[in-house]
Amino acid sequence: MLTQAIGLTLFPATMAFAASSDLFTMTIANRVSVILVGGFFLLAGLTGMSAAAIGWHVGAGAAVLVVGFGLFSFGWVGGGDAKLAAATALWFGFAHLLDYLLYASIFGGALTLVVIQFRMLPLPQPLARRDWIERLHRRGGGVPYGIALAAAALLVYPHSEWMTALGF
């Protein structure tokens, strides 16, 4: 029962926190990725995941981390986004990695278009007093891509092997 509680809450709650943190601060703290990595290994141990399967999951996470830091080096994504994507890939392994990346791309593109449109509109005065809204409205600013990464993760997670491992 404890294993199910961890499996059903840790990943989704951490993803929701990452999305809200990125929206309000435009940062995703390192502790978010550390919690996801630690949670993966804890849950892998509790569910009896084989060493070979863990290795494949680590490989997926490492591959996304390398690509993510390549994108970061060009200034195309933030460092927190790269680490969040890699930690999420660790959870999904190669089995659901393509689904995750596809949804993240679609959601990220839609989010970017919404933010661009938002920045073209004048900011109503009551909203202008909110630091996070001003930051989001600032032209040339970043896009809180962690929202798209988290949304994609939450869409894929119920279909992942974790639900089978947890008895669902």
N, C-alpha and C. Protein backbone atom coordinates (compact mmCIF):
# COMPACT_ATOMS: atom_id res chain seq x y z
N MET A 1 0.82 -1.18 0.00
CA MET A 1 0.00 0.00 0.00
C MET A 1 0.87 1.26 0.00
N LEU A 2 1.97 1.26 0.74
CA LEU A 2 2.88 2.40 0.75
C LEU A 2 3.50 2.60 -0.64
N THR A 3 3.85 1.50 -1.29
CA THR A 3 4.41 1.58 -2.63
C THR A 3 3.42 2.22 -3.59
N GLN A 4 2.15 1.84 -3.50
CA GLN A 4 1.14 2.44 -4.37
C GLN A 4 0.98 3.92 -4.07
N ALA A 5 0.98 4.29 -2.82
CA ALA A 5 0.84 5.70 -2.45
C ALA A 5 2.00 6.52 -3.01
N ILE A 6 3.21 5.99 -2.90
CA ILE A 6 4.37 6.70 -3.45
C ILE A 6 4.25 6.80 -4.97
N GLY A 7 3.91 5.69 -5.61
CA GLY A 7 3.82 5.66 -7.06
C GLY A 7 2.72 6.54 -7.63
N LEU A 8 1.65 6.69 -6.89
CA LEU A 8 0.53 7.49 -7.38
C LEU A 8 0.64 8.97 -7.04
N THR A 9 1.50 9.32 -6.11
CA THR A 9 1.57 10.73 -5.70
C THR A 9 2.90 11.42 -5.99
N LEU A 10 4.01 10.73 -5.81
CA LEU A 10 5.32 11.40 -5.90
C LEU A 10 5.56 12.01 -7.27
N PHE A 11 5.43 11.22 -8.31
CA PHE A 11 5.70 11.72 -9.66
C PHE A 11 4.72 12.83 -10.06
N PRO A 12 3.40 12.59 -9.95
CA PRO A 12 2.47 13.66 -10.35
C PRO A 12 2.63 14.94 -9.52
N ALA A 13 2.82 14.81 -8.22
CA ALA A 13 2.95 16.00 -7.38
C ALA A 13 4.23 16.77 -7.71
N THR A 14 5.30 16.06 -7.98
CA THR A 14 6.56 16.72 -8.33
C THR A 14 6.43 17.42 -9.68
N MET A 15 5.75 16.81 -10.61
CA MET A 15 5.52 17.44 -11.92
C MET A 15 4.67 18.70 -11.77
N ALA A 16 3.63 18.63 -10.97
CA ALA A 16 2.78 19.80 -10.75
C ALA A 16 3.59 20.93 -10.10
N PHE A 17 4.44 20.58 -9.17
CA PHE A 17 5.29 21.58 -8.52
C PHE A 17 6.25 22.20 -9.54
N ALA A 18 6.84 21.38 -10.39
CA ALA A 18 7.78 21.90 -11.40
C ALA A 18 7.08 22.88 -12.33
N ALA A 19 5.87 22.54 -12.76
CA ALA A 19 5.13 23.42 -13.67
C ALA A 19 4.80 24.75 -13.00
N SER A 20 4.29 24.68 -11.77
CA SER A 20 3.93 25.92 -11.09
C SER A 20 5.15 26.75 -10.75
N SER A 21 6.23 26.11 -10.38
CA SER A 21 7.47 26.83 -10.10
C SER A 21 7.98 27.55 -11.34
N ASP A 22 7.93 26.87 -12.47
CA ASP A 22 8.40 27.49 -13.71
C ASP A 22 7.50 28.66 -14.11
N LEU A 23 6.20 28.51 -13.92
CA LEU A 23 5.27 29.59 -14.25
C LEU A 23 5.54 30.82 -13.39
N PHE A 24 5.68 30.62 -12.09
CA PHE A 24 5.78 31.75 -11.17
C PHE A 24 7.18 32.34 -11.04
N THR A 25 8.21 31.53 -11.30
CA THR A 25 9.59 32.02 -11.08
C THR A 25 10.48 31.91 -12.31
N MET A 26 10.02 31.20 -13.33
CA MET A 26 10.83 30.92 -14.53
C MET A 26 12.08 30.11 -14.17
N THR A 27 12.01 29.33 -13.12
CA THR A 27 13.10 28.43 -12.74
C THR A 27 12.51 27.10 -12.26
N ILE A 28 13.29 26.08 -12.44
CA ILE A 28 12.96 24.76 -11.89
C ILE A 28 14.17 24.38 -11.05
N ALA A 29 13.98 24.35 -9.76
CA ALA A 29 15.08 24.08 -8.84
C ALA A 29 15.66 22.69 -9.05
N ASN A 30 16.96 22.57 -8.79
CA ASN A 30 17.63 21.27 -8.91
C ASN A 30 16.98 20.21 -8.04
N ARG A 31 16.44 20.62 -6.90
CA ARG A 31 15.84 19.64 -5.98
C ARG A 31 14.68 18.89 -6.63
N VAL A 32 14.02 19.52 -7.60
CA VAL A 32 12.92 18.84 -8.29
C VAL A 32 13.45 17.62 -9.04
N SER A 33 14.53 17.81 -9.78
CA SER A 33 15.12 16.69 -10.52
C SER A 33 15.71 15.65 -9.57
N VAL A 34 16.29 16.11 -8.47
CA VAL A 34 16.85 15.18 -7.48
C VAL A 34 15.74 14.33 -6.86
N ILE A 35 14.61 14.95 -6.56
CA ILE A 35 13.47 14.20 -6.00
C ILE A 35 12.98 13.16 -7.01
N LEU A 36 12.89 13.56 -8.28
CA LEU A 36 12.45 12.60 -9.31
C LEU A 36 13.42 11.44 -9.47
N VAL A 37 14.70 11.73 -9.49
CA VAL A 37 15.70 10.66 -9.64
C VAL A 37 15.67 9.74 -8.41
N GLY A 38 15.68 10.33 -7.22
CA GLY A 38 15.62 9.51 -6.00
C GLY A 38 14.33 8.71 -5.93
N GLY A 39 13.22 9.34 -6.30
CA GLY A 39 11.94 8.64 -6.29
C GLY A 39 11.90 7.48 -7.27
N PHE A 40 12.53 7.67 -8.42
CA PHE A 40 12.59 6.58 -9.40
C PHE A 40 13.29 5.37 -8.79
N PHE A 41 14.48 5.60 -8.22
CA PHE A 41 15.24 4.47 -7.68
C PHE A 41 14.53 3.84 -6.48
N LEU A 42 13.87 4.65 -5.66
CA LEU A 42 13.10 4.11 -4.54
C LEU A 42 11.97 3.23 -5.06
N LEU A 43 11.21 3.73 -6.00
CA LEU A 43 10.07 2.98 -6.52
C LEU A 43 10.52 1.76 -7.33
N ALA A 44 11.63 1.90 -8.05
CA ALA A 44 12.17 0.75 -8.80
C ALA A 44 12.52 -0.37 -7.83
N GLY A 45 13.11 -0.02 -6.71
CA GLY A 45 13.45 -1.03 -5.71
C GLY A 45 12.21 -1.63 -5.06
N LEU A 46 11.25 -0.79 -4.73
CA LEU A 46 10.03 -1.27 -4.07
C LEU A 46 9.18 -2.15 -4.98
N THR A 47 9.22 -1.91 -6.28
CA THR A 47 8.41 -2.71 -7.21
C THR A 47 9.17 -3.89 -7.79
N GLY A 48 10.45 -4.02 -7.46
CA GLY A 48 11.23 -5.16 -7.94
C GLY A 48 11.67 -5.04 -9.39
N MET A 49 11.87 -3.82 -9.87
CA MET A 49 12.35 -3.64 -11.24
C MET A 49 13.72 -4.29 -11.39
N SER A 50 13.92 -5.00 -12.49
CA SER A 50 15.19 -5.69 -12.70
C SER A 50 16.32 -4.70 -12.95
N ALA A 51 17.54 -5.16 -12.70
CA ALA A 51 18.72 -4.32 -12.93
C ALA A 51 18.83 -3.93 -14.41
N ALA A 52 18.48 -4.85 -15.30
CA ALA A 52 18.53 -4.55 -16.73
C ALA A 52 17.53 -3.46 -17.09
N ALA A 53 16.33 -3.55 -16.54
CA ALA A 53 15.31 -2.53 -16.82
C ALA A 53 15.74 -1.17 -16.27
N ILE A 54 16.30 -1.18 -15.07
CA ILE A 54 16.81 0.06 -14.49
C ILE A 54 17.88 0.65 -15.41
N GLY A 55 18.75 -0.19 -15.93
CA GLY A 55 19.80 0.27 -16.84
C GLY A 55 19.23 0.93 -18.08
N TRP A 56 18.17 0.37 -18.64
CA TRP A 56 17.54 0.97 -19.82
C TRP A 56 16.91 2.31 -19.48
N HIS A 57 16.31 2.40 -18.32
CA HIS A 57 15.72 3.67 -17.88
C HIS A 57 16.82 4.72 -17.68
N VAL A 58 17.91 4.31 -17.08
CA VAL A 58 19.04 5.23 -16.89
C VAL A 58 19.58 5.67 -18.25
N GLY A 59 19.64 4.76 -19.20
CA GLY A 59 20.09 5.10 -20.55
C GLY A 59 19.19 6.14 -21.21
N ALA A 60 17.88 5.99 -21.03
CA ALA A 60 16.94 6.97 -21.60
C ALA A 60 17.14 8.33 -20.95
N GLY A 61 17.29 8.34 -19.64
CA GLY A 61 17.52 9.60 -18.94
C GLY A 61 18.82 10.26 -19.36
N ALA A 62 19.86 9.47 -19.50
CA ALA A 62 21.17 10.00 -19.91
C ALA A 62 21.11 10.56 -21.33
N ALA A 63 20.43 9.86 -22.22
CA ALA A 63 20.32 10.34 -23.60
C ALA A 63 19.60 11.68 -23.65
N VAL A 64 18.52 11.82 -22.91
CA VAL A 64 17.78 13.08 -22.89
C VAL A 64 18.61 14.17 -22.22
N LEU A 65 19.38 13.83 -21.21
CA LEU A 65 20.23 14.82 -20.55
C LEU A 65 21.28 15.36 -21.52
N VAL A 66 21.90 14.49 -22.30
CA VAL A 66 22.91 14.93 -23.27
C VAL A 66 22.28 15.85 -24.32
N VAL A 67 21.14 15.44 -24.87
CA VAL A 67 20.46 16.28 -25.86
C VAL A 67 19.99 17.58 -25.21
N GLY A 68 19.45 17.49 -24.02
CA GLY A 68 18.97 18.68 -23.32
C GLY A 68 20.07 19.69 -23.07
N PHE A 69 21.24 19.22 -22.66
CA PHE A 69 22.33 20.17 -22.43
C PHE A 69 22.89 20.71 -23.73
N GLY A 70 22.76 19.95 -24.81
CA GLY A 70 23.11 20.49 -26.11
C GLY A 70 22.18 21.64 -26.47
N LEU A 71 20.89 21.45 -26.26
CA LEU A 71 19.92 22.51 -26.52
C LEU A 71 20.15 23.70 -25.59
N PHE A 72 20.49 23.41 -24.35
CA PHE A 72 20.80 24.48 -23.39
C PHE A 72 22.02 25.29 -23.82
N SER A 73 23.02 24.62 -24.36
CA SER A 73 24.24 25.32 -24.78
C SER A 73 23.97 26.31 -25.91
N PHE A 74 22.94 26.06 -26.70
CA PHE A 74 22.55 26.98 -27.77
C PHE A 74 21.56 28.03 -27.26
N GLY A 75 21.14 27.92 -26.01
CA GLY A 75 20.19 28.87 -25.44
C GLY A 75 18.75 28.62 -25.83
N TRP A 76 18.46 27.41 -26.29
CA TRP A 76 17.12 27.09 -26.75
C TRP A 76 16.20 26.60 -25.64
N VAL A 77 16.77 26.05 -24.58
CA VAL A 77 16.00 25.63 -23.41
C VAL A 77 16.78 26.02 -22.16
N GLY A 78 16.07 26.11 -21.06
CA GLY A 78 16.73 26.40 -19.80
C GLY A 78 17.36 25.15 -19.21
N GLY A 79 18.30 25.35 -18.31
CA GLY A 79 18.96 24.22 -17.66
C GLY A 79 18.00 23.39 -16.83
N GLY A 80 17.07 24.06 -16.15
CA GLY A 80 16.07 23.33 -15.36
C GLY A 80 15.18 22.48 -16.24
N ASP A 81 14.84 23.01 -17.42
CA ASP A 81 14.02 22.24 -18.36
C ASP A 81 14.77 20.99 -18.83
N ALA A 82 16.05 21.15 -19.13
CA ALA A 82 16.86 20.01 -19.59
C ALA A 82 16.93 18.93 -18.51
N LYS A 83 17.15 19.35 -17.27
CA LYS A 83 17.23 18.38 -16.18
C LYS A 83 15.89 17.74 -15.88
N LEU A 84 14.81 18.53 -15.95
CA LEU A 84 13.47 17.97 -15.72
C LEU A 84 13.13 16.94 -16.80
N ALA A 85 13.42 17.25 -18.05
CA ALA A 85 13.14 16.31 -19.14
C ALA A 85 13.93 15.02 -18.95
N ALA A 86 15.18 15.13 -18.53
CA ALA A 86 16.01 13.94 -18.32
C ALA A 86 15.50 13.10 -17.15
N ALA A 87 15.12 13.77 -16.06
CA ALA A 87 14.60 13.02 -14.91
C ALA A 87 13.28 12.35 -15.26
N THR A 88 12.49 13.00 -16.08
CA THR A 88 11.22 12.40 -16.52
C THR A 88 11.49 11.21 -17.44
N ALA A 89 12.46 11.36 -18.33
CA ALA A 89 12.83 10.25 -19.22
C ALA A 89 13.31 9.04 -18.41
N LEU A 90 13.97 9.29 -17.30
CA LEU A 90 14.39 8.21 -16.41
C LEU A 90 13.17 7.40 -15.97
N TRP A 91 12.11 8.07 -15.62
CA TRP A 91 10.89 7.38 -15.18
C TRP A 91 10.24 6.59 -16.32
N PHE A 92 10.26 7.12 -17.54
CA PHE A 92 9.56 6.48 -18.64
C PHE A 92 10.40 5.46 -19.39
N GLY A 93 11.71 5.58 -19.32
CA GLY A 93 12.55 4.69 -20.10
C GLY A 93 12.28 4.89 -21.58
N PHE A 94 12.81 3.99 -22.38
CA PHE A 94 12.62 4.11 -23.83
C PHE A 94 11.20 3.73 -24.27
N ALA A 95 10.50 2.96 -23.43
CA ALA A 95 9.17 2.47 -23.81
C ALA A 95 8.18 3.60 -24.06
N HIS A 96 8.26 4.67 -23.29
CA HIS A 96 7.31 5.78 -23.42
C HIS A 96 7.99 7.10 -23.72
N LEU A 97 9.27 7.04 -24.04
CA LEU A 97 10.03 8.27 -24.27
C LEU A 97 9.53 9.03 -25.49
N LEU A 98 9.27 8.34 -26.58
CA LEU A 98 8.80 9.02 -27.79
C LEU A 98 7.46 9.71 -27.55
N ASP A 99 6.54 9.03 -26.87
CA ASP A 99 5.25 9.64 -26.54
C ASP A 99 5.46 10.91 -25.73
N TYR A 100 6.31 10.81 -24.71
CA TYR A 100 6.57 11.96 -23.84
C TYR A 100 7.15 13.12 -24.63
N LEU A 101 8.15 12.86 -25.45
CA LEU A 101 8.79 13.93 -26.20
C LEU A 101 7.85 14.53 -27.25
N LEU A 102 7.02 13.71 -27.84
CA LEU A 102 6.05 14.21 -28.82
C LEU A 102 5.03 15.13 -28.15
N TYR A 103 4.45 14.68 -27.05
CA TYR A 103 3.49 15.52 -26.33
C TYR A 103 4.15 16.79 -25.81
N ALA A 104 5.37 16.68 -25.29
CA ALA A 104 6.07 17.86 -24.79
C ALA A 104 6.31 18.86 -25.91
N SER A 105 6.62 18.38 -27.09
CA SER A 105 6.83 19.27 -28.24
C SER A 105 5.53 19.96 -28.65
N ILE A 106 4.46 19.21 -28.70
CA ILE A 106 3.17 19.79 -29.09
C ILE A 106 2.71 20.81 -28.03
N PHE A 107 2.76 20.41 -26.77
CA PHE A 107 2.35 21.32 -25.70
C PHE A 107 3.27 22.53 -25.62
N GLY A 108 4.56 22.31 -25.83
CA GLY A 108 5.51 23.42 -25.80
C GLY A 108 5.28 24.40 -26.92
N GLY A 109 4.97 23.89 -28.11
CA GLY A 109 4.67 24.78 -29.23
C GLY A 109 3.41 25.59 -28.97
N ALA A 110 2.38 24.93 -28.46
CA ALA A 110 1.13 25.63 -28.15
C ALA A 110 1.36 26.68 -27.06
N LEU A 111 2.10 26.30 -26.03
CA LEU A 111 2.40 27.24 -24.94
C LEU A 111 3.17 28.45 -25.46
N THR A 112 4.13 28.21 -26.32
CA THR A 112 4.92 29.30 -26.89
C THR A 112 4.03 30.25 -27.68
N LEU A 113 3.12 29.72 -28.48
CA LEU A 113 2.21 30.57 -29.24
C LEU A 113 1.30 31.39 -28.32
N VAL A 114 0.82 30.77 -27.25
CA VAL A 114 -0.03 31.49 -26.29
C VAL A 114 0.77 32.61 -25.62
N VAL A 115 2.00 32.33 -25.21
CA VAL A 115 2.83 33.34 -24.56
C VAL A 115 3.13 34.48 -25.53
N ILE A 116 3.43 34.16 -26.77
CA ILE A 116 3.69 35.22 -27.77
C ILE A 116 2.45 36.10 -27.94
N GLN A 117 1.29 35.50 -28.04
CA GLN A 117 0.06 36.27 -28.17
C GLN A 117 -0.19 37.13 -26.92
N PHE A 118 0.05 36.56 -25.76
CA PHE A 118 -0.11 37.27 -24.49
C PHE A 118 0.80 38.49 -24.45
N ARG A 119 2.00 38.35 -24.94
CA ARG A 119 2.96 39.46 -24.92
C ARG A 119 2.60 40.56 -25.91
N MET A 120 1.80 40.26 -26.88
CA MET A 120 1.40 41.27 -27.86
C MET A 120 0.25 42.14 -27.35
N LEU A 121 -0.44 41.68 -26.33
CA LEU A 121 -1.55 42.42 -25.76
C LEU A 121 -1.05 43.36 -24.67
N PRO A 122 -1.73 44.48 -24.48
CA PRO A 122 -1.35 45.34 -23.35
C PRO A 122 -1.73 44.64 -22.04
N LEU A 123 -0.89 44.81 -21.06
CA LEU A 123 -1.12 44.17 -19.76
C LEU A 123 -2.07 45.03 -18.94
N PRO A 124 -3.23 44.51 -18.54
CA PRO A 124 -4.14 45.29 -17.71
C PRO A 124 -3.47 45.71 -16.39
N GLN A 125 -3.77 46.89 -15.94
CA GLN A 125 -3.10 47.45 -14.77
C GLN A 125 -3.17 46.55 -13.53
N PRO A 126 -4.31 45.92 -13.21
CA PRO A 126 -4.32 45.06 -12.02
C PRO A 126 -3.33 43.89 -12.11
N LEU A 127 -3.08 43.42 -13.33
CA LEU A 127 -2.13 42.32 -13.49
C LEU A 127 -0.69 42.81 -13.48
N ALA A 128 -0.48 44.07 -13.81
CA ALA A 128 0.88 44.61 -13.92
C ALA A 128 1.59 44.66 -12.57
N ARG A 129 0.85 44.53 -11.50
CA ARG A 129 1.46 44.57 -10.17
C ARG A 129 1.97 43.21 -9.71
N ARG A 130 1.81 42.22 -10.52
CA ARG A 130 2.26 40.87 -10.17
C ARG A 130 3.58 40.60 -10.87
N ASP A 131 4.62 40.35 -10.09
CA ASP A 131 5.95 40.15 -10.67
C ASP A 131 5.98 39.02 -11.68
N TRP A 132 5.34 37.90 -11.36
CA TRP A 132 5.40 36.74 -12.25
C TRP A 132 4.67 37.01 -13.56
N ILE A 133 3.59 37.79 -13.51
CA ILE A 133 2.87 38.10 -14.75
C ILE A 133 3.69 39.08 -15.59
N GLU A 134 4.30 40.07 -14.93
CA GLU A 134 5.17 41.00 -15.66
C GLU A 134 6.32 40.26 -16.32
N ARG A 135 6.91 39.32 -15.62
CA ARG A 135 8.02 38.54 -16.16
C ARG A 135 7.57 37.72 -17.36
N LEU A 136 6.39 37.13 -17.26
CA LEU A 136 5.85 36.34 -18.36
C LEU A 136 5.48 37.23 -19.54
N HIS A 137 5.06 38.44 -19.27
CA HIS A 137 4.63 39.37 -20.32
C HIS A 137 5.79 40.07 -21.02
N ARG A 138 6.94 40.08 -20.40
CA ARG A 138 8.10 40.80 -20.94
C ARG A 138 8.53 40.21 -22.28
N ARG A 139 8.54 41.07 -23.30
CA ARG A 139 8.95 40.63 -24.63
C ARG A 139 10.42 40.22 -24.60
N GLY A 140 10.71 39.17 -25.31
CA GLY A 140 12.07 38.66 -25.35
C GLY A 140 12.40 37.76 -24.17
N GLY A 141 11.45 37.61 -23.25
CA GLY A 141 11.66 36.72 -22.11
C GLY A 141 11.49 35.27 -22.50
N GLY A 142 11.80 34.40 -21.60
CA GLY A 142 11.68 32.98 -21.85
C GLY A 142 10.25 32.49 -21.78
N VAL A 143 10.08 31.25 -22.10
CA VAL A 143 8.79 30.57 -22.01
C VAL A 143 8.92 29.51 -20.92
N PRO A 144 7.98 29.46 -19.99
CA PRO A 144 8.07 28.46 -18.92
C PRO A 144 7.76 27.06 -19.46
N TYR A 145 8.74 26.50 -20.16
CA TYR A 145 8.56 25.24 -20.86
C TYR A 145 8.33 24.07 -19.90
N GLY A 146 8.68 24.28 -18.63
CA GLY A 146 8.42 23.23 -17.64
C GLY A 146 6.94 22.87 -17.55
N ILE A 147 6.08 23.82 -17.90
CA ILE A 147 4.64 23.56 -17.92
C ILE A 147 4.33 22.49 -18.97
N ALA A 148 4.90 22.65 -20.15
CA ALA A 148 4.67 21.68 -21.22
C ALA A 148 5.28 20.32 -20.88
N LEU A 149 6.47 20.34 -20.29
CA LEU A 149 7.13 19.08 -19.90
C LEU A 149 6.30 18.34 -18.86
N ALA A 150 5.78 19.08 -17.89
CA ALA A 150 4.98 18.47 -16.83
C ALA A 150 3.64 17.96 -17.38
N ALA A 151 3.00 18.74 -18.24
CA ALA A 151 1.72 18.32 -18.81
C ALA A 151 1.90 17.03 -19.62
N ALA A 152 2.95 16.98 -20.41
CA ALA A 152 3.22 15.77 -21.20
C ALA A 152 3.47 14.58 -20.28
N ALA A 153 4.24 14.79 -19.24
CA ALA A 153 4.54 13.71 -18.29
C ALA A 153 3.27 13.20 -17.62
N LEU A 154 2.40 14.12 -17.23
CA LEU A 154 1.17 13.71 -16.57
C LEU A 154 0.21 13.00 -17.52
N LEU A 155 0.31 13.30 -18.80
CA LEU A 155 -0.52 12.62 -19.79
C LEU A 155 -0.01 11.19 -20.05
N VAL A 156 1.31 11.02 -20.06
CA VAL A 156 1.90 9.72 -20.36
C VAL A 156 1.93 8.79 -19.14
N TYR A 157 2.12 9.35 -17.96
CA TYR A 157 2.32 8.54 -16.76
C TYR A 157 1.24 7.46 -16.52
N PRO A 158 -0.04 7.77 -16.67
CA PRO A 158 -1.04 6.72 -16.43
C PRO A 158 -0.95 5.54 -17.38
N HIS A 159 -0.26 5.71 -18.50
CA HIS A 159 -0.13 4.63 -19.48
C HIS A 159 1.23 3.93 -19.38
N SER A 160 2.03 4.33 -18.42
CA SER A 160 3.38 3.79 -18.29
C SER A 160 3.37 2.45 -17.56
N GLU A 161 4.52 1.83 -17.58
CA GLU A 161 4.66 0.53 -16.91
C GLU A 161 4.52 0.64 -15.40
N TRP A 162 4.59 1.85 -14.87
CA TRP A 162 4.44 2.03 -13.42
C TRP A 162 3.05 1.61 -12.96
N MET A 163 2.05 1.88 -13.76
CA MET A 163 0.68 1.52 -13.34
C MET A 163 0.55 0.01 -13.22
N THR A 164 1.17 -0.73 -14.13
CA THR A 164 1.15 -2.19 -14.05
C THR A 164 1.93 -2.65 -12.81
N ALA A 165 3.10 -2.04 -12.59
CA ALA A 165 3.94 -2.42 -11.46
C ALA A 165 3.24 -2.12 -10.14
N LEU A 166 2.39 -1.10 -10.13
CA LEU A 166 1.68 -0.73 -8.91
C LEU A 166 0.35 -1.49 -8.75
N GLY A 167 0.03 -2.33 -9.74
CA GLY A 167 -1.18 -3.15 -9.63
C GLY A 167 -2.43 -2.50 -10.20
N PHE A 168 -2.25 -1.58 -11.13
CA PHE A 168 -3.41 -0.91 -11.74
C PHE A 168 -3.55 -1.28 -13.19
